[in-house]
Amino acid sequence: MNSRRHIRFMPVLAALVLISIACQKKKAPQEELLPMDRVAISPVGESQTILHKTFSVATSVNYPFEIPAHAAMPHLQGSYKSFVKEVGVQSGDETANVDFLILNEDQYNDFSHGKPGEAVFSADASHDQDVNFSLPSTQDQPRKYYLIFRNSPGGVKRKLVQADFTVAF
């Protein structure tokens, strides 16, 4: 008789287990957010002075700067003038020319190892230049750039450069 009771309750027990399993809510799969999809404080409206000085250029001089993460429209603005400080040489002629480059990190790595490459921006052989250039927006990571002043061939061995650059975010 005991076994008959056991047999009667078996389907009831099985039904209760199935109902219990069916009633449990399944967890929704977790969506993975990529860092670039996260909303963060934007540096909009801020600006930073990158360079405001006079310096000497024999071969090349670089000035690194960084655009912070989440900068939607970074914009570089500034100017430079190069001149020579030698008797009998006019500061406005071609002997005072320098090349100006803006390089990202990969381009700078190639440049510093003597490999030819492209630049984000360049102005060849000039002694008086205004720069007004929009840089690519940053996502979730800051980006490093380099202002490069390079002595142009054919001029004097050492030139002076007066530069003033800011970047706005």
Protein backbone atom coordinates (compact mmCIF):
# COMPACT_ATOMS: atom_id res chain seq x y z
CA MET A 1 0.00 0.00 0.00
CA ASN A 2 2.85 2.27 0.76
CA SER A 3 4.19 1.92 -2.75
CA ARG A 4 0.78 2.91 -4.21
CA ARG A 5 0.82 6.18 -2.30
CA HIS A 6 4.32 6.78 -3.51
CA ILE A 7 3.24 6.22 -7.11
CA ARG A 8 0.25 8.61 -6.72
CA PHE A 9 2.40 11.42 -5.35
CA MET A 10 5.14 11.01 -7.93
CA PRO A 11 3.21 12.74 -10.78
CA VAL A 12 2.10 15.47 -8.39
CA LEU A 13 5.68 16.04 -7.23
CA ALA A 14 6.92 16.07 -10.83
CA ALA A 15 4.22 18.60 -11.77
CA LEU A 16 5.17 20.84 -8.84
CA VAL A 17 8.85 20.76 -9.82
CA LEU A 18 8.00 21.64 -13.44
CA ILE A 19 5.72 24.49 -12.34
CA SER A 20 8.41 25.78 -10.02
CA ILE A 21 11.02 25.76 -12.79
CA ALA A 22 8.65 27.38 -15.29
CA CYS A 23 7.72 30.16 -12.89
CA GLN A 24 11.28 31.21 -12.21
CA LYS A 25 12.15 34.31 -14.16
CA LYS A 26 15.06 33.94 -16.48
CA LYS A 27 17.68 36.61 -16.15
CA ALA A 28 17.90 38.84 -19.15
CA PRO A 29 21.25 38.58 -20.87
CA GLN A 30 23.58 41.37 -19.76
CA GLU A 31 24.32 43.85 -22.51
CA GLU A 32 27.98 44.68 -22.66
CA LEU A 33 28.61 48.40 -22.92
CA LEU A 34 31.64 49.42 -24.86
CA PRO A 35 33.70 52.21 -23.32
CA MET A 36 32.92 54.45 -26.31
CA ASP A 37 29.17 54.08 -25.58
CA ARG A 38 29.45 55.40 -22.05
CA VAL A 39 28.43 58.97 -21.42
CA ALA A 40 31.06 61.01 -19.63
CA ILE A 41 31.74 64.62 -18.86
CA SER A 42 32.84 66.43 -21.98
CA PRO A 43 35.59 69.05 -21.82
CA VAL A 44 33.52 71.36 -24.10
CA GLY A 45 34.31 75.02 -23.61
CA GLU A 46 37.75 74.44 -22.14
CA SER A 47 41.00 75.53 -23.72
CA GLN A 48 44.64 74.91 -23.04
CA THR A 49 47.78 76.79 -23.98
CA ILE A 50 50.16 74.38 -25.67
CA LEU A 51 53.02 76.67 -26.53
CA HIS A 52 53.84 80.31 -25.86
CA LYS A 53 57.56 80.91 -26.19
CA THR A 54 60.56 81.69 -28.35
CA PHE A 55 63.02 78.86 -28.93
CA SER A 56 65.92 77.81 -31.11
CA VAL A 57 65.70 75.17 -33.87
CA ALA A 58 68.85 73.51 -35.20
CA THR A 59 67.36 70.26 -36.55
CA SER A 60 63.88 69.79 -35.05
CA VAL A 61 62.01 70.60 -31.84
CA ASN A 62 58.83 68.89 -30.66
CA TYR A 63 56.12 69.93 -28.21
CA PRO A 64 53.70 67.17 -27.16
CA PHE A 65 50.13 67.91 -26.13
CA GLU A 66 47.10 65.79 -25.29
CA ILE A 67 43.46 66.02 -26.26
CA PRO A 68 41.33 64.65 -23.39
CA ALA A 69 38.81 61.84 -23.81
CA HIS A 70 35.32 62.81 -24.98
CA ALA A 71 36.46 65.97 -26.79
CA ALA A 72 33.89 66.26 -29.57
CA MET A 73 35.50 69.03 -31.64
CA PRO A 74 39.09 69.79 -30.61
CA HIS A 75 40.52 72.76 -32.46
CA LEU A 76 44.14 73.91 -32.66
CA GLN A 77 44.79 77.58 -33.27
CA GLY A 78 47.97 79.59 -33.27
CA SER A 79 50.81 81.10 -35.21
CA TYR A 80 54.56 81.07 -35.47
CA LYS A 81 57.26 83.28 -36.91
CA SER A 82 60.80 82.17 -37.55
CA PHE A 83 63.81 84.38 -38.01
CA VAL A 84 67.57 84.30 -37.98
CA LYS A 85 69.77 86.32 -35.75
CA GLU A 86 72.79 86.83 -37.94
CA VAL A 87 74.27 90.02 -39.31
CA GLY A 88 73.28 90.63 -42.91
CA VAL A 89 70.42 88.10 -43.00
CA GLN A 90 66.88 89.40 -43.29
CA SER A 91 64.35 87.65 -41.05
CA GLY A 92 61.71 87.70 -43.77
CA ASP A 93 63.56 85.85 -46.52
CA GLU A 94 63.68 82.10 -47.16
CA THR A 95 66.76 81.57 -44.98
CA ALA A 96 64.48 81.76 -41.92
CA ASN A 97 62.01 79.11 -43.12
CA VAL A 98 61.03 76.15 -40.94
CA ASP A 99 58.70 73.22 -41.59
CA PHE A 100 55.77 72.81 -39.22
CA LEU A 101 54.05 69.46 -38.59
CA ILE A 102 51.30 68.11 -36.37
CA LEU A 103 51.75 64.37 -35.79
CA ASN A 104 49.76 61.78 -33.90
CA GLU A 105 51.61 59.17 -31.78
CA ASP A 106 52.11 56.63 -34.58
CA GLN A 107 53.30 59.30 -37.00
CA TYR A 108 55.65 60.72 -34.38
CA ASN A 109 57.10 57.27 -33.73
CA ASP A 110 57.86 56.91 -37.46
CA PHE A 111 59.26 60.46 -37.60
CA SER A 112 61.54 59.94 -34.59
CA HIS A 113 62.92 56.75 -36.17
CA GLY A 114 63.64 58.47 -39.50
CA LYS A 115 60.83 56.75 -41.40
CA PRO A 116 58.99 58.82 -44.00
CA GLY A 117 55.31 59.24 -43.35
CA GLU A 118 52.32 61.49 -43.42
CA ALA A 119 51.30 64.19 -40.97
CA VAL A 120 47.93 65.19 -39.58
CA PHE A 121 48.84 68.72 -40.74
CA SER A 122 51.94 70.25 -42.32
CA ALA A 123 53.20 73.60 -43.53
CA ASP A 124 56.46 73.36 -45.45
CA ALA A 125 59.13 76.05 -45.66
CA SER A 126 57.50 79.05 -44.07
CA HIS A 127 58.72 81.79 -41.76
CA ASP A 128 55.31 83.26 -40.86
CA GLN A 129 52.32 80.96 -40.54
CA ASP A 130 48.85 81.07 -38.99
CA VAL A 131 47.36 77.69 -38.10
CA ASN A 132 43.66 77.07 -37.65
CA PHE A 133 43.03 73.32 -37.67
CA SER A 134 40.33 70.95 -36.35
CA LEU A 135 41.64 67.70 -34.88
CA PRO A 136 39.68 64.43 -34.89
CA SER A 137 37.29 63.94 -31.98
CA THR A 138 38.33 61.63 -29.19
CA GLN A 139 36.16 58.80 -27.98
CA ASP A 140 36.83 57.16 -24.65
CA GLN A 141 40.62 57.63 -24.69
CA PRO A 142 42.76 60.77 -24.78
CA ARG A 143 44.99 61.29 -27.83
CA LYS A 144 48.50 62.60 -27.88
CA TYR A 145 49.81 64.87 -30.63
CA TYR A 146 53.11 66.62 -31.32
CA LEU A 147 53.87 70.06 -32.72
CA ILE A 148 57.10 69.70 -34.69
CA PHE A 149 59.26 72.58 -35.89
CA ARG A 150 61.93 71.38 -38.30
CA ASN A 151 64.76 73.40 -39.79
CA SER A 152 64.20 73.63 -43.55
CA PRO A 153 67.16 72.74 -45.75
CA GLY A 154 68.97 75.56 -47.48
CA GLY A 155 68.83 78.08 -44.69
CA VAL A 156 71.07 78.87 -41.78
CA LYS A 157 71.98 76.19 -39.24
CA ARG A 158 70.03 77.68 -36.35
CA LYS A 159 66.76 79.58 -36.44
CA LEU A 160 64.67 81.22 -33.77
CA VAL A 161 60.94 80.52 -33.64
CA GLN A 162 58.35 82.53 -31.79
CA ALA A 163 55.21 80.40 -31.36
CA ASP A 164 51.84 80.77 -29.68
CA PHE A 165 49.37 77.84 -29.81
CA THR A 166 46.21 76.90 -27.94
CA VAL A 167 43.77 74.06 -28.28
CA ALA A 168 40.05 74.38 -27.54
CA PHE A 169 37.73 71.51 -26.83
